[in-house]
Amino acid sequence: MNSSHTIIRALLRTEKGVRLQDDKKYLFSVSKSANKIQIKKAVEDIYKVKVLNVNTQMVPGKLKRVRTQLGRTPDWKKAVVTLKEGQKIDLA
């Protein structure tokens, strides 16, 4: 069984992630093999909050070039976690 810290990789502090926090939604980078139930349990375990909903999305890697070599950044998975009313993740 995976631990909560291997499922949740990072809380994404991007422009979109900060904008979603007004609606009690938080953006996370998660393990590619994690499902919505595992993500919900991991967020509740780490941050001690109640999760209402989890939406996931696979993000394909981008094509990058360094001089003449072509390569790709890795694919990754993100999750938008909606918290129940009155819940908040303390970012300080």
N, C-alpha and C. Protein backbone atom coordinates (compact mmCIF):
# COMPACT_ATOMS: atom_id res chain seq x y z
N MET A 1 0.84 -1.19 0.00
CA MET A 1 0.00 0.00 0.00
C MET A 1 0.88 1.24 0.00
N ASN A 2 0.50 2.22 -0.79
CA ASN A 2 1.27 3.45 -0.89
C ASN A 2 0.98 4.35 0.30
N SER A 3 2.00 5.07 0.74
CA SER A 3 1.78 6.02 1.81
C SER A 3 1.20 7.31 1.22
N SER A 4 0.67 8.14 2.09
CA SER A 4 0.04 9.37 1.63
C SER A 4 1.03 10.30 0.95
N HIS A 5 2.28 10.29 1.41
CA HIS A 5 3.27 11.21 0.86
C HIS A 5 3.81 10.75 -0.50
N THR A 6 3.64 9.49 -0.85
CA THR A 6 4.03 9.06 -2.19
C THR A 6 2.90 9.30 -3.19
N ILE A 7 1.66 9.37 -2.72
CA ILE A 7 0.53 9.65 -3.60
C ILE A 7 0.48 11.14 -3.92
N ILE A 8 0.57 11.99 -2.90
CA ILE A 8 0.55 13.44 -3.09
C ILE A 8 2.00 13.91 -3.23
N ARG A 9 2.35 14.38 -4.42
CA ARG A 9 3.73 14.82 -4.63
C ARG A 9 3.95 16.27 -4.20
N ALA A 10 3.02 17.18 -4.58
CA ALA A 10 3.21 18.59 -4.25
C ALA A 10 1.89 19.33 -4.38
N LEU A 11 1.74 20.37 -3.58
CA LEU A 11 0.65 21.32 -3.73
C LEU A 11 1.13 22.36 -4.73
N LEU A 12 0.41 22.51 -5.84
CA LEU A 12 0.86 23.39 -6.91
C LEU A 12 0.47 24.83 -6.62
N ARG A 13 1.46 25.69 -6.54
CA ARG A 13 1.26 27.11 -6.26
C ARG A 13 1.40 27.90 -7.56
N THR A 14 0.55 27.61 -8.52
CA THR A 14 0.55 28.31 -9.80
C THR A 14 -0.53 29.38 -9.79
N GLU A 15 -0.60 30.16 -10.84
CA GLU A 15 -1.64 31.19 -10.92
C GLU A 15 -3.03 30.57 -10.89
N LYS A 16 -3.21 29.50 -11.63
CA LYS A 16 -4.50 28.83 -11.64
C LYS A 16 -4.79 28.20 -10.28
N GLY A 17 -3.79 27.61 -9.65
CA GLY A 17 -3.97 27.00 -8.34
C GLY A 17 -4.36 28.01 -7.27
N VAL A 18 -3.77 29.18 -7.31
CA VAL A 18 -4.12 30.23 -6.35
C VAL A 18 -5.52 30.77 -6.62
N ARG A 19 -5.88 30.89 -7.89
CA ARG A 19 -7.21 31.38 -8.25
C ARG A 19 -8.31 30.40 -7.81
N LEU A 20 -8.02 29.10 -7.86
CA LEU A 20 -9.00 28.09 -7.46
C LEU A 20 -9.24 28.07 -5.95
N GLN A 21 -8.28 28.57 -5.16
CA GLN A 21 -8.42 28.53 -3.71
C GLN A 21 -9.58 29.38 -3.22
N ASP A 22 -10.02 30.36 -3.99
CA ASP A 22 -11.18 31.16 -3.61
C ASP A 22 -12.45 30.32 -3.57
N ASP A 23 -12.49 29.25 -4.36
CA ASP A 23 -13.65 28.36 -4.42
C ASP A 23 -13.45 27.10 -3.57
N LYS A 24 -12.50 27.13 -2.62
CA LYS A 24 -12.19 25.98 -1.75
C LYS A 24 -11.68 24.79 -2.56
N LYS A 25 -10.93 25.07 -3.64
CA LYS A 25 -10.33 24.02 -4.46
C LYS A 25 -8.82 24.18 -4.41
N TYR A 26 -8.12 23.06 -4.36
CA TYR A 26 -6.66 23.06 -4.28
C TYR A 26 -6.11 22.14 -5.37
N LEU A 27 -5.01 22.55 -5.96
CA LEU A 27 -4.40 21.84 -7.08
C LEU A 27 -3.17 21.09 -6.59
N PHE A 28 -3.11 19.78 -6.88
CA PHE A 28 -2.02 18.92 -6.44
C PHE A 28 -1.40 18.19 -7.62
N SER A 29 -0.10 17.95 -7.53
CA SER A 29 0.57 17.01 -8.42
C SER A 29 0.57 15.67 -7.71
N VAL A 30 0.06 14.64 -8.37
CA VAL A 30 -0.10 13.33 -7.72
C VAL A 30 0.57 12.24 -8.55
N SER A 31 0.69 11.07 -7.94
CA SER A 31 1.27 9.91 -8.61
C SER A 31 0.38 9.50 -9.79
N LYS A 32 1.00 9.06 -10.88
CA LYS A 32 0.25 8.69 -12.07
C LYS A 32 -0.64 7.48 -11.84
N SER A 33 -0.28 6.61 -10.91
CA SER A 33 -1.05 5.40 -10.68
C SER A 33 -2.13 5.56 -9.61
N ALA A 34 -2.22 6.73 -8.98
CA ALA A 34 -3.19 6.94 -7.90
C ALA A 34 -4.58 7.18 -8.47
N ASN A 35 -5.60 6.62 -7.79
CA ASN A 35 -6.97 6.88 -8.20
C ASN A 35 -7.60 7.92 -7.28
N LYS A 36 -8.85 8.30 -7.56
CA LYS A 36 -9.49 9.38 -6.82
C LYS A 36 -9.69 9.03 -5.34
N ILE A 37 -10.00 7.80 -5.04
CA ILE A 37 -10.21 7.39 -3.65
C ILE A 37 -8.91 7.49 -2.86
N GLN A 38 -7.81 7.05 -3.45
CA GLN A 38 -6.51 7.14 -2.78
C GLN A 38 -6.10 8.60 -2.57
N ILE A 39 -6.36 9.45 -3.56
CA ILE A 39 -6.02 10.87 -3.45
C ILE A 39 -6.83 11.51 -2.33
N LYS A 40 -8.12 11.20 -2.26
CA LYS A 40 -8.98 11.76 -1.21
C LYS A 40 -8.48 11.36 0.17
N LYS A 41 -8.16 10.08 0.37
CA LYS A 41 -7.67 9.62 1.68
C LYS A 41 -6.33 10.25 2.03
N ALA A 42 -5.47 10.42 1.03
CA ALA A 42 -4.14 11.00 1.28
C ALA A 42 -4.25 12.46 1.70
N VAL A 43 -5.10 13.25 1.03
CA VAL A 43 -5.27 14.66 1.38
C VAL A 43 -5.88 14.78 2.78
N GLU A 44 -6.87 13.95 3.08
CA GLU A 44 -7.48 13.98 4.42
C GLU A 44 -6.48 13.60 5.49
N ASP A 45 -5.60 12.66 5.19
CA ASP A 45 -4.61 12.20 6.16
C ASP A 45 -3.51 13.25 6.39
N ILE A 46 -3.01 13.85 5.34
CA ILE A 46 -1.90 14.80 5.46
C ILE A 46 -2.36 16.13 6.04
N TYR A 47 -3.45 16.68 5.50
CA TYR A 47 -3.86 18.05 5.86
C TYR A 47 -4.97 18.12 6.90
N LYS A 48 -5.52 16.97 7.32
CA LYS A 48 -6.57 16.91 8.35
C LYS A 48 -7.78 17.76 7.98
N VAL A 49 -8.28 17.57 6.76
CA VAL A 49 -9.46 18.28 6.27
C VAL A 49 -10.43 17.24 5.70
N LYS A 50 -11.64 17.66 5.41
CA LYS A 50 -12.65 16.79 4.79
C LYS A 50 -12.77 17.16 3.32
N VAL A 51 -12.65 16.16 2.45
CA VAL A 51 -12.67 16.36 1.00
C VAL A 51 -14.07 16.05 0.47
N LEU A 52 -14.60 16.94 -0.35
CA LEU A 52 -15.91 16.77 -0.95
C LEU A 52 -15.82 16.07 -2.30
N ASN A 53 -14.83 16.46 -3.13
CA ASN A 53 -14.76 15.97 -4.50
C ASN A 53 -13.31 15.99 -4.98
N VAL A 54 -12.97 15.05 -5.88
CA VAL A 54 -11.64 15.00 -6.49
C VAL A 54 -11.81 14.85 -7.99
N ASN A 55 -11.18 15.74 -8.75
CA ASN A 55 -11.14 15.64 -10.21
C ASN A 55 -9.68 15.47 -10.62
N THR A 56 -9.42 14.54 -11.54
CA THR A 56 -8.05 14.28 -11.98
C THR A 56 -7.91 14.53 -13.47
N GLN A 57 -6.65 14.79 -13.87
CA GLN A 57 -6.35 15.02 -15.28
C GLN A 57 -4.92 14.58 -15.56
N MET A 58 -4.72 13.85 -16.64
CA MET A 58 -3.38 13.49 -17.09
C MET A 58 -2.85 14.63 -17.95
N VAL A 59 -1.63 15.08 -17.64
CA VAL A 59 -1.01 16.18 -18.37
C VAL A 59 0.13 15.59 -19.21
N PRO A 60 0.03 15.68 -20.53
CA PRO A 60 1.10 15.11 -21.37
C PRO A 60 2.36 15.96 -21.30
N GLY A 61 3.50 15.29 -21.44
CA GLY A 61 4.77 15.99 -21.43
C GLY A 61 4.95 16.84 -22.68
N LYS A 62 5.78 17.86 -22.56
CA LYS A 62 6.01 18.76 -23.68
C LYS A 62 7.28 18.35 -24.43
N LEU A 63 7.30 18.68 -25.70
CA LEU A 63 8.46 18.43 -26.53
C LEU A 63 9.48 19.54 -26.29
N LYS A 64 10.69 19.17 -25.90
CA LYS A 64 11.75 20.15 -25.61
C LYS A 64 12.94 19.86 -26.51
N ARG A 65 13.72 20.91 -26.79
CA ARG A 65 14.92 20.74 -27.61
C ARG A 65 16.08 21.46 -26.96
N VAL A 66 17.20 20.76 -26.85
CA VAL A 66 18.45 21.35 -26.38
C VAL A 66 19.44 21.19 -27.52
N ARG A 67 19.78 22.31 -28.14
CA ARG A 67 20.61 22.34 -29.34
C ARG A 67 20.00 21.45 -30.42
N THR A 68 20.63 20.32 -30.74
CA THR A 68 20.08 19.47 -31.80
C THR A 68 19.33 18.25 -31.25
N GLN A 69 19.36 18.04 -29.97
CA GLN A 69 18.69 16.88 -29.37
C GLN A 69 17.24 17.19 -29.04
N LEU A 70 16.35 16.30 -29.43
CA LEU A 70 14.95 16.41 -29.09
C LEU A 70 14.64 15.50 -27.91
N GLY A 71 13.76 15.94 -27.04
CA GLY A 71 13.36 15.14 -25.90
C GLY A 71 11.99 15.56 -25.44
N ARG A 72 11.51 14.90 -24.40
CA ARG A 72 10.19 15.20 -23.84
C ARG A 72 10.29 15.30 -22.33
N THR A 73 9.49 16.17 -21.77
CA THR A 73 9.33 16.17 -20.33
C THR A 73 8.37 15.04 -19.98
N PRO A 74 8.42 14.50 -18.78
CA PRO A 74 7.56 13.36 -18.46
C PRO A 74 6.09 13.74 -18.33
N ASP A 75 5.21 12.77 -18.62
CA ASP A 75 3.79 12.94 -18.38
C ASP A 75 3.57 12.95 -16.87
N TRP A 76 2.54 13.68 -16.41
CA TRP A 76 2.23 13.72 -14.99
C TRP A 76 0.74 13.88 -14.80
N LYS A 77 0.30 13.68 -13.57
CA LYS A 77 -1.12 13.71 -13.25
C LYS A 77 -1.39 14.81 -12.23
N LYS A 78 -2.46 15.57 -12.44
CA LYS A 78 -2.83 16.59 -11.47
C LYS A 78 -4.24 16.31 -10.97
N ALA A 79 -4.50 16.78 -9.75
CA ALA A 79 -5.80 16.58 -9.12
C ALA A 79 -6.29 17.91 -8.57
N VAL A 80 -7.56 18.21 -8.82
CA VAL A 80 -8.21 19.37 -8.23
C VAL A 80 -9.11 18.83 -7.11
N VAL A 81 -8.78 19.19 -5.87
CA VAL A 81 -9.48 18.68 -4.70
C VAL A 81 -10.38 19.78 -4.15
N THR A 82 -11.67 19.48 -4.04
CA THR A 82 -12.64 20.42 -3.47
C THR A 82 -12.88 20.04 -2.02
N LEU A 83 -12.76 21.02 -1.12
CA LEU A 83 -12.96 20.77 0.30
C LEU A 83 -14.40 21.11 0.69
N LYS A 84 -14.85 20.48 1.79
CA LYS A 84 -16.19 20.78 2.31
C LYS A 84 -16.22 22.19 2.88
N GLU A 85 -17.41 22.72 3.03
CA GLU A 85 -17.61 24.07 3.53
C GLU A 85 -17.00 24.24 4.92
N GLY A 86 -16.24 25.30 5.10
CA GLY A 86 -15.61 25.57 6.39
C GLY A 86 -14.23 24.97 6.53
N GLN A 87 -13.78 24.16 5.58
CA GLN A 87 -12.46 23.54 5.62
C GLN A 87 -11.46 24.41 4.87
N LYS A 88 -10.20 24.34 5.30
CA LYS A 88 -9.15 25.15 4.67
C LYS A 88 -7.81 24.48 4.91
N ILE A 89 -6.93 24.53 3.91
CA ILE A 89 -5.57 24.04 4.06
C ILE A 89 -4.69 25.23 4.43
N ASP A 90 -3.99 25.11 5.54
CA ASP A 90 -3.13 26.20 6.00
C ASP A 90 -1.82 26.14 5.24
N LEU A 91 -1.52 27.18 4.46
CA LEU A 91 -0.34 27.19 3.61
C LEU A 91 0.84 27.91 4.24
N ALA A 92 0.69 28.42 5.44
CA ALA A 92 1.75 29.16 6.08
C ALA A 92 2.80 28.27 6.71
